[in-house]
Amino acid sequence: MDYKTFKDHVFRVVKKSSLVRRTEILHDMEPFLKIRLHIEEDFVDVTFNAETGKTSYAYIRGDERIFGANNALIGWHIHPWEEKEH
């Protein structure tokens, strides 16, 4: 997927969601995009690198990643709820 298609897709999905209270673009310079989706006090960081095709999602509560997923090197890799990053 290219940069613009990915970015447009994220904003189309967010627009339909009643969970996302606010969006914040943290980095928007091709090939790298990082968007923060605020959900109550928590947030989800969505990152995309069009050059490498890597996509990452991280659900953050406070300063702690609660859940994450990315498609780096070995295909989709999940960081489950039980394996929190400290």
PDB file of N, CA and C in Angstrom:
ATOM      1  N   MET A   1       0.846  -1.176   0.000  1.00  0.00           N
ATOM      2  CA  MET A   1       0.000   0.000   0.000  1.00  0.00           C
ATOM      3  C   MET A   1       0.889   1.236   0.000  1.00  0.00           C
ATOM      4  N   ASP A   2       0.482   2.244  -0.729  1.00  0.00           N
ATOM      5  CA  ASP A   2       1.288   3.465  -0.747  1.00  0.00           C
ATOM      6  C   ASP A   2       0.894   4.398   0.406  1.00  0.00           C
ATOM      7  N   TYR A   3       1.709   5.406   0.611  1.00  0.00           N
ATOM      8  CA  TYR A   3       1.590   6.355   1.720  1.00  0.00           C
ATOM      9  C   TYR A   3       0.210   7.024   1.783  1.00  0.00           C
ATOM     10  N   LYS A   4      -0.209   7.636   0.673  1.00  0.00           N
ATOM     11  CA  LYS A   4      -1.475   8.366   0.652  1.00  0.00           C
ATOM     12  C   LYS A   4      -2.659   7.428   0.873  1.00  0.00           C
ATOM     13  N   THR A   5      -2.642   6.259   0.275  1.00  0.00           N
ATOM     14  CA  THR A   5      -3.732   5.299   0.443  1.00  0.00           C
ATOM     15  C   THR A   5      -3.864   4.878   1.899  1.00  0.00           C
ATOM     16  N   PHE A   6      -2.723   4.594   2.550  1.00  0.00           N
ATOM     17  CA  PHE A   6      -2.750   4.194   3.961  1.00  0.00           C
ATOM     18  C   PHE A   6      -3.316   5.317   4.826  1.00  0.00           C
ATOM     19  N   LYS A   7      -2.808   6.517   4.641  1.00  0.00           N
ATOM     20  CA  LYS A   7      -3.261   7.668   5.435  1.00  0.00           C
ATOM     21  C   LYS A   7      -4.760   7.904   5.242  1.00  0.00           C
ATOM     22  N   ASP A   8      -5.216   7.892   4.001  1.00  0.00           N
ATOM     23  CA  ASP A   8      -6.642   8.082   3.721  1.00  0.00           C
ATOM     24  C   ASP A   8      -7.482   6.988   4.380  1.00  0.00           C
ATOM     25  N   HIS A   9      -6.995   5.760   4.343  1.00  0.00           N
ATOM     26  CA  HIS A   9      -7.715   4.641   4.942  1.00  0.00           C
ATOM     27  C   HIS A   9      -7.871   4.830   6.454  1.00  0.00           C
ATOM     28  N   VAL A  10      -6.803   5.218   7.139  1.00  0.00           N
ATOM     29  CA  VAL A  10      -6.866   5.437   8.588  1.00  0.00           C
ATOM     30  C   VAL A  10      -7.927   6.487   8.910  1.00  0.00           C
ATOM     31  N   PHE A  11      -7.921   7.592   8.195  1.00  0.00           N
ATOM     32  CA  PHE A  11      -8.870   8.660   8.501  1.00  0.00           C
ATOM     33  C   PHE A  11     -10.310   8.291   8.130  1.00  0.00           C
ATOM     34  N   ARG A  12     -10.510   7.467   7.118  1.00  0.00           N
ATOM     35  CA  ARG A  12     -11.859   6.989   6.796  1.00  0.00           C
ATOM     36  C   ARG A  12     -12.394   6.104   7.920  1.00  0.00           C
ATOM     37  N   VAL A  13     -11.543   5.222   8.430  1.00  0.00           N
ATOM     38  CA  VAL A  13     -11.953   4.322   9.513  1.00  0.00           C
ATOM     39  C   VAL A  13     -12.226   5.120  10.787  1.00  0.00           C
ATOM     40  N   VAL A  14     -11.345   6.048  11.116  1.00  0.00           N
ATOM     41  CA  VAL A  14     -11.508   6.868  12.323  1.00  0.00           C
ATOM     42  C   VAL A  14     -12.804   7.672  12.270  1.00  0.00           C
ATOM     43  N   LYS A  15     -13.115   8.186  11.115  1.00  0.00           N
ATOM     44  CA  LYS A  15     -14.327   8.996  10.966  1.00  0.00           C
ATOM     45  C   LYS A  15     -15.587   8.180  11.306  1.00  0.00           C
ATOM     46  N   LYS A  16     -15.551   6.885  11.065  1.00  0.00           N
ATOM     47  CA  LYS A  16     -16.690   6.008  11.342  1.00  0.00           C
ATOM     48  C   LYS A  16     -16.719   5.502  12.786  1.00  0.00           C
ATOM     49  N   SER A  17     -15.645   5.726  13.531  1.00  0.00           N
ATOM     50  CA  SER A  17     -15.535   5.173  14.875  1.00  0.00           C
ATOM     51  C   SER A  17     -16.091   6.121  15.931  1.00  0.00           C
ATOM     52  N   SER A  18     -16.863   5.567  16.841  1.00  0.00           N
ATOM     53  CA  SER A  18     -17.350   6.369  17.963  1.00  0.00           C
ATOM     54  C   SER A  18     -16.372   6.324  19.136  1.00  0.00           C
ATOM     55  N   LEU A  19     -15.342   5.476  19.053  1.00  0.00           N
ATOM     56  CA  LEU A  19     -14.363   5.345  20.133  1.00  0.00           C
ATOM     57  C   LEU A  19     -13.284   6.426  20.104  1.00  0.00           C
ATOM     58  N   VAL A  20     -12.887   6.836  18.924  1.00  0.00           N
ATOM     59  CA  VAL A  20     -11.783   7.792  18.794  1.00  0.00           C
ATOM     60  C   VAL A  20     -12.296   9.197  19.071  1.00  0.00           C
ATOM     61  N   ARG A  21     -11.731   9.808  20.110  1.00  0.00           N
ATOM     62  CA  ARG A  21     -12.154  11.145  20.534  1.00  0.00           C
ATOM     63  C   ARG A  21     -11.421  12.252  19.773  1.00  0.00           C
ATOM     64  N   ARG A  22     -10.150  11.956  19.416  1.00  0.00           N
ATOM     65  CA  ARG A  22      -9.317  12.986  18.778  1.00  0.00           C
ATOM     66  C   ARG A  22      -8.186  12.283  18.048  1.00  0.00           C
ATOM     67  N   THR A  23      -7.755  12.852  16.931  1.00  0.00           N
ATOM     68  CA  THR A  23      -6.583  12.329  16.227  1.00  0.00           C
ATOM     69  C   THR A  23      -5.475  13.378  16.269  1.00  0.00           C
ATOM     70  N   GLU A  24      -4.270  12.878  16.285  1.00  0.00           N
ATOM     71  CA  GLU A  24      -3.094  13.747  16.344  1.00  0.00           C
ATOM     72  C   GLU A  24      -2.044  13.180  15.385  1.00  0.00           C
ATOM     73  N   ILE A  25      -1.633  13.983  14.423  1.00  0.00           N
ATOM     74  CA  ILE A  25      -0.584  13.541  13.505  1.00  0.00           C
ATOM     75  C   ILE A  25       0.755  13.892  14.138  1.00  0.00           C
ATOM     76  N   LEU A  26       1.531  12.867  14.479  1.00  0.00           N
ATOM     77  CA  LEU A  26       2.826  13.064  15.126  1.00  0.00           C
ATOM     78  C   LEU A  26       3.953  13.203  14.117  1.00  0.00           C
ATOM     79  N   HIS A  27       3.797  12.549  12.962  1.00  0.00           N
ATOM     80  CA  HIS A  27       4.799  12.663  11.900  1.00  0.00           C
ATOM     81  C   HIS A  27       4.105  12.416  10.568  1.00  0.00           C
ATOM     82  N   ASP A  28       4.288  13.327   9.641  1.00  0.00           N
ATOM     83  CA  ASP A  28       3.635  13.220   8.338  1.00  0.00           C
ATOM     84  C   ASP A  28       4.578  13.702   7.250  1.00  0.00           C
ATOM     85  N   MET A  29       5.617  12.923   7.034  1.00  0.00           N
ATOM     86  CA  MET A  29       6.574  13.248   5.987  1.00  0.00           C
ATOM     87  C   MET A  29       6.939  11.948   5.286  1.00  0.00           C
ATOM     88  N   GLU A  30       6.466  11.809   4.083  1.00  0.00           N
ATOM     89  CA  GLU A  30       6.679  10.583   3.334  1.00  0.00           C
ATOM     90  C   GLU A  30       8.162  10.213   3.337  1.00  0.00           C
ATOM     91  N   PRO A  31       8.507   8.957   3.623  1.00  0.00           N
ATOM     92  CA  PRO A  31       7.664   7.775   3.611  1.00  0.00           C
ATOM     93  C   PRO A  31       7.088   7.388   4.978  1.00  0.00           C
ATOM     94  N   PHE A  32       7.298   8.174   6.045  1.00  0.00           N
ATOM     95  CA  PHE A  32       6.927   7.764   7.395  1.00  0.00           C
ATOM     96  C   PHE A  32       5.731   8.558   7.910  1.00  0.00           C
ATOM     97  N   LEU A  33       4.743   7.830   8.446  1.00  0.00           N
ATOM     98  CA  LEU A  33       3.540   8.431   8.993  1.00  0.00           C
ATOM     99  C   LEU A  33       3.302   7.879  10.389  1.00  0.00           C
ATOM    100  N   LYS A  34       2.994   8.766  11.342  1.00  0.00           N
ATOM    101  CA  LYS A  34       2.631   8.326  12.684  1.00  0.00           C
ATOM    102  C   LYS A  34       1.431   9.143  13.144  1.00  0.00           C
ATOM    103  N   ILE A  35       0.357   8.423  13.474  1.00  0.00           N
ATOM    104  CA  ILE A  35      -0.887   9.052  13.905  1.00  0.00           C
ATOM    105  C   ILE A  35      -1.264   8.503  15.275  1.00  0.00           C
ATOM    106  N   ARG A  36      -1.670   9.381  16.166  1.00  0.00           N
ATOM    107  CA  ARG A  36      -2.126   8.967  17.496  1.00  0.00           C
ATOM    108  C   ARG A  36      -3.645   9.125  17.550  1.00  0.00           C
ATOM    109  N   LEU A  37      -4.304   8.048  17.945  1.00  0.00           N
ATOM    110  CA  LEU A  37      -5.753   8.037  18.065  1.00  0.00           C
ATOM    111  C   LEU A  37      -6.103   8.026  19.551  1.00  0.00           C
ATOM    112  N   HIS A  38      -6.687   9.094  20.037  1.00  0.00           N
ATOM    113  CA  HIS A  38      -7.023   9.222  21.456  1.00  0.00           C
ATOM    114  C   HIS A  38      -8.364   8.559  21.740  1.00  0.00           C
ATOM    115  N   ILE A  39      -8.343   7.641  22.714  1.00  0.00           N
ATOM    116  CA  ILE A  39      -9.533   6.898  23.129  1.00  0.00           C
ATOM    117  C   ILE A  39      -9.632   7.058  24.637  1.00  0.00           C
ATOM    118  N   GLU A  40     -10.561   7.908  25.091  1.00  0.00           N
ATOM    119  CA  GLU A  40     -10.633   8.245  26.524  1.00  0.00           C
ATOM    120  C   GLU A  40      -9.260   8.743  26.985  1.00  0.00           C
ATOM    121  N   GLU A  41      -8.690   8.155  28.057  1.00  0.00           N
ATOM    122  CA  GLU A  41      -7.371   8.572  28.527  1.00  0.00           C
ATOM    123  C   GLU A  41      -6.251   7.803  27.820  1.00  0.00           C
ATOM    124  N   ASP A  42      -6.600   6.738  27.118  1.00  0.00           N
ATOM    125  CA  ASP A  42      -5.626   5.889  26.423  1.00  0.00           C
ATOM    126  C   ASP A  42      -5.466   6.372  24.983  1.00  0.00           C
ATOM    127  N   PHE A  43      -4.532   5.748  24.275  1.00  0.00           N
ATOM    128  CA  PHE A  43      -4.391   6.067  22.857  1.00  0.00           C
ATOM    129  C   PHE A  43      -3.806   4.888  22.091  1.00  0.00           C
ATOM    130  N   VAL A  44      -3.985   4.945  20.785  1.00  0.00           N
ATOM    131  CA  VAL A  44      -3.407   3.962  19.873  1.00  0.00           C
ATOM    132  C   VAL A  44      -2.495   4.720  18.929  1.00  0.00           C
ATOM    133  N   ASP A  45      -1.236   4.289  18.850  1.00  0.00           N
ATOM    134  CA  ASP A  45      -0.310   4.842  17.871  1.00  0.00           C
ATOM    135  C   ASP A  45      -0.309   3.945  16.649  1.00  0.00           C
ATOM    136  N   VAL A  46      -0.496   4.561  15.496  1.00  0.00           N
ATOM    137  CA  VAL A  46      -0.472   3.860  14.216  1.00  0.00           C
ATOM    138  C   VAL A  46       0.715   4.414  13.436  1.00  0.00           C
ATOM    139  N   THR A  47       1.634   3.547  13.055  1.00  0.00           N
ATOM    140  CA  THR A  47       2.780   3.994  12.264  1.00  0.00           C
ATOM    141  C   THR A  47       2.850   3.207  10.969  1.00  0.00           C
ATOM    142  N   PHE A  48       3.320   3.880   9.922  1.00  0.00           N
ATOM    143  CA  PHE A  48       3.448   3.261   8.612  1.00  0.00           C
ATOM    144  C   PHE A  48       4.687   3.807   7.924  1.00  0.00           C
ATOM    145  N   ASN A  49       5.478   2.907   7.360  1.00  0.00           N
ATOM    146  CA  ASN A  49       6.641   3.288   6.577  1.00  0.00           C
ATOM    147  C   ASN A  49       6.421   2.766   5.164  1.00  0.00           C
ATOM    148  N   ALA A  50       6.141   3.661   4.231  1.00  0.00           N
ATOM    149  CA  ALA A  50       5.844   3.267   2.849  1.00  0.00           C
ATOM    150  C   ALA A  50       7.062   2.668   2.159  1.00  0.00           C
ATOM    151  N   GLU A  51       8.247   3.043   2.579  1.00  0.00           N
ATOM    152  CA  GLU A  51       9.478   2.527   1.983  1.00  0.00           C
ATOM    153  C   GLU A  51       9.685   1.050   2.295  1.00  0.00           C
ATOM    154  N   THR A  52       9.433   0.657   3.540  1.00  0.00           N
ATOM    155  CA  THR A  52       9.650  -0.728   3.961  1.00  0.00           C
ATOM    156  C   THR A  52       8.368  -1.551   3.977  1.00  0.00           C
ATOM    157  N   GLY A  53       7.212  -0.867   3.967  1.00  0.00           N
ATOM    158  CA  GLY A  53       5.924  -1.554   4.062  1.00  0.00           C
ATOM    159  C   GLY A  53       5.561  -1.939   5.484  1.00  0.00           C
ATOM    160  N   LYS A  54       6.340  -1.483   6.470  1.00  0.00           N
ATOM    161  CA  LYS A  54       6.081  -1.837   7.863  1.00  0.00           C
ATOM    162  C   LYS A  54       4.938  -1.000   8.434  1.00  0.00           C
ATOM    163  N   THR A  55       4.016  -1.693   9.091  1.00  0.00           N
ATOM    164  CA  THR A  55       2.898  -1.070   9.778  1.00  0.00           C
ATOM    165  C   THR A  55       2.928  -1.539  11.225  1.00  0.00           C
ATOM    166  N   SER A  56       2.714  -0.617  12.170  1.00  0.00           N
ATOM    167  CA  SER A  56       2.697  -0.978  13.587  1.00  0.00           C
ATOM    168  C   SER A  56       1.521  -0.304  14.274  1.00  0.00           C
ATOM    169  N   TYR A  57       0.967  -1.033  15.239  1.00  0.00           N
ATOM    170  CA  TYR A  57      -0.108  -0.519  16.070  1.00  0.00           C
ATOM    171  C   TYR A  57       0.278  -0.767  17.522  1.00  0.00           C
ATOM    172  N   ALA A  58       0.087   0.222  18.376  1.00  0.00           N
ATOM    173  CA  ALA A  58       0.372   0.054  19.803  1.00  0.00           C
ATOM    174  C   ALA A  58      -0.731   0.721  20.609  1.00  0.00           C
ATOM    175  N   TYR A  59      -1.336  -0.057  21.515  1.00  0.00           N
ATOM    176  CA  TYR A  59      -2.355   0.465  22.422  1.00  0.00           C
ATOM    177  C   TYR A  59      -1.648   0.836  23.718  1.00  0.00           C
ATOM    178  N   ILE A  60      -1.698   2.119  24.083  1.00  0.00           N
ATOM    179  CA  ILE A  60      -0.942   2.647  25.216  1.00  0.00           C
ATOM    180  C   ILE A  60      -1.897   3.146  26.300  1.00  0.00           C
ATOM    181  N   ARG A  61      -1.601   2.755  27.528  1.00  0.00           N
ATOM    182  CA  ARG A  61      -2.329   3.252  28.706  1.00  0.00           C
ATOM    183  C   ARG A  61      -1.275   3.836  29.637  1.00  0.00           C
ATOM    184  N   GLY A  62      -1.382   5.136  29.902  1.00  0.00           N
ATOM    185  CA  GLY A  62      -0.339   5.801  30.691  1.00  0.00           C
ATOM    186  C   GLY A  62       0.968   5.768  29.902  1.00  0.00           C
ATOM    187  N   ASP A  63       2.003   5.197  30.493  1.00  0.00           N
ATOM    188  CA  ASP A  63       3.294   5.056  29.820  1.00  0.00           C
ATOM    189  C   ASP A  63       3.572   3.617  29.420  1.00  0.00           C
ATOM    190  N   GLU A  64       2.530   2.776  29.397  1.00  0.00           N
ATOM    191  CA  GLU A  64       2.736   1.348  29.193  1.00  0.00           C
ATOM    192  C   GLU A  64       2.017   0.849  27.939  1.00  0.00           C
ATOM    193  N   ARG A  65       2.756   0.102  27.106  1.00  0.00           N
ATOM    194  CA  ARG A  65       2.123  -0.533  25.959  1.00  0.00           C
ATOM    195  C   ARG A  65       1.318  -1.721  26.474  1.00  0.00           C
ATOM    196  N   ILE A  66       0.021  -1.725  26.221  1.00  0.00           N
ATOM    197  CA  ILE A  66      -0.865  -2.789  26.662  1.00  0.00           C
ATOM    198  C   ILE A  66      -0.946  -3.880  25.595  1.00  0.00           C
ATOM    199  N   PHE A  67      -0.936  -3.470  24.338  1.00  0.00           N
ATOM    200  CA  PHE A  67      -1.035  -4.406  23.226  1.00  0.00           C
ATOM    201  C   PHE A  67      -0.342  -3.793  22.016  1.00  0.00           C
ATOM    202  N   GLY A  68       0.280  -4.625  21.209  1.00  0.00           N
ATOM    203  CA  GLY A  68       0.913  -4.132  19.995  1.00  0.00           C
ATOM    204  C   GLY A  68       0.899  -5.177  18.898  1.00  0.00           C
ATOM    205  N   ALA A  69       1.022  -4.704  17.670  1.00  0.00           N
ATOM    206  CA  ALA A  69       1.109  -5.594  16.517  1.00  0.00           C
ATOM    207  C   ALA A  69       1.900  -4.880  15.434  1.00  0.00           C
ATOM    208  N   ASN A  70       2.742  -5.645  14.726  1.00  0.00           N
ATOM    209  CA  ASN A  70       3.469  -5.074  13.596  1.00  0.00           C
ATOM    210  C   ASN A  70       3.781  -6.167  12.587  1.00  0.00           C
ATOM    211  N   ASN A  71       4.118  -5.746  11.389  1.00  0.00           N
ATOM    212  CA  ASN A  71       4.429  -6.690  10.329  1.00  0.00           C
ATOM    213  C   ASN A  71       5.908  -6.658   9.955  1.00  0.00           C
ATOM    214  N   ALA A  72       6.777  -6.487  10.926  1.00  0.00           N
ATOM    215  CA  ALA A  72       8.218  -6.417  10.690  1.00  0.00           C
ATOM    216  C   ALA A  72       8.806  -7.788  10.356  1.00  0.00           C
ATOM    217  N   LEU A  73       9.591  -7.850   9.338  1.00  0.00           N
ATOM    218  CA  LEU A  73      10.423  -8.983   8.920  1.00  0.00           C
ATOM    219  C   LEU A  73       9.748 -10.351   8.857  1.00  0.00           C
ATOM    220  N   ILE A  74       9.154 -10.833   9.927  1.00  0.00           N
ATOM    221  CA  ILE A  74       8.642 -12.213   9.973  1.00  0.00           C
ATOM    222  C   ILE A  74       7.145 -12.297   9.682  1.00  0.00           C
ATOM    223  N   GLY A  75       6.561 -11.255   9.172  1.00  0.00           N
ATOM    224  CA  GLY A  75       5.114 -11.217   9.000  1.00  0.00           C
ATOM    225  C   GLY A  75       4.496 -10.581  10.232  1.00  0.00           C
ATOM    226  N   TRP A  76       3.204 -10.687  10.386  1.00  0.00           N
ATOM    227  CA  TRP A  76       2.544 -10.040  11.515  1.00  0.00           C
ATOM    228  C   TRP A  76       2.979 -10.678  12.822  1.00  0.00           C
ATOM    229  N   HIS A  77       3.382  -9.822  13.749  1.00  0.00           N
ATOM    230  CA  HIS A  77       3.851 -10.229  15.068  1.00  0.00           C
ATOM    231  C   HIS A  77       2.986  -9.511  16.097  1.00  0.00           C
ATOM    232  N   ILE A  78       2.433 -10.273  17.014  1.00  0.00           N
ATOM    233  CA  ILE A  78       1.539  -9.719  18.036  1.00  0.00           C
ATOM    234  C   ILE A  78       2.260  -9.656  19.376  1.00  0.00           C
ATOM    235  N   HIS A  79       2.089  -8.545  20.068  1.00  0.00           N
ATOM    236  CA  HIS A  79       2.566  -8.379  21.447  1.00  0.00           C
ATOM    237  C   HIS A  79       1.309  -8.432  22.311  1.00  0.00           C
ATOM    238  N   PRO A  80       0.941  -9.623  22.774  1.00  0.00           N
ATOM    239  CA  PRO A  80      -0.354  -9.789  23.464  1.00  0.00           C
ATOM    240  C   PRO A  80      -0.452  -9.056  24.794  1.00  0.00           C
ATOM    241  N   TRP A  81      -1.678  -9.020  25.294  1.00  0.00           N
ATOM    242  CA  TRP A  81      -1.986  -8.372  26.566  1.00  0.00           C
ATOM    243  C   TRP A  81      -1.081  -8.883  27.678  1.00  0.00           C
ATOM    244  N   GLU A  82      -0.817 -10.177  27.699  1.00  0.00           N
ATOM    245  CA  GLU A  82      -0.038 -10.778  28.790  1.00  0.00           C
ATOM    246  C   GLU A  82       1.439 -10.408  28.744  1.00  0.00           C
ATOM    247  N   GLU A  83       1.947  -9.996  27.594  1.00  0.00           N
ATOM    248  CA  GLU A  83       3.361  -9.683  27.428  1.00  0.00           C
ATOM    249  C   GLU A  83       3.567  -8.182  27.329  1.00  0.00           C
ATOM    250  N   LYS A  84       3.266  -7.479  28.383  1.00  0.00           N
ATOM    251  CA  LYS A  84       3.395  -6.027  28.399  1.00  0.00           C
ATOM    252  C   LYS A  84       4.862  -5.627  28.347  1.00  0.00           C
ATOM    253  N   GLU A  85       5.117  -4.504  27.688  1.00  0.00           N
ATOM    254  CA  GLU A  85       6.467  -3.958  27.616  1.00  0.00           C
ATOM    255  C   GLU A  85       6.659  -2.991  28.782  1.00  0.00           C
ATOM    256  N   HIS A  86       7.728  -3.153  29.528  1.00  0.00           N
ATOM    257  CA  HIS A  86       7.957  -2.280  30.691  1.00  0.00           C
ATOM    258  C   HIS A  86       9.094  -1.340  30.400  1.00  0.00           C
TER     259      HIS A  86
END
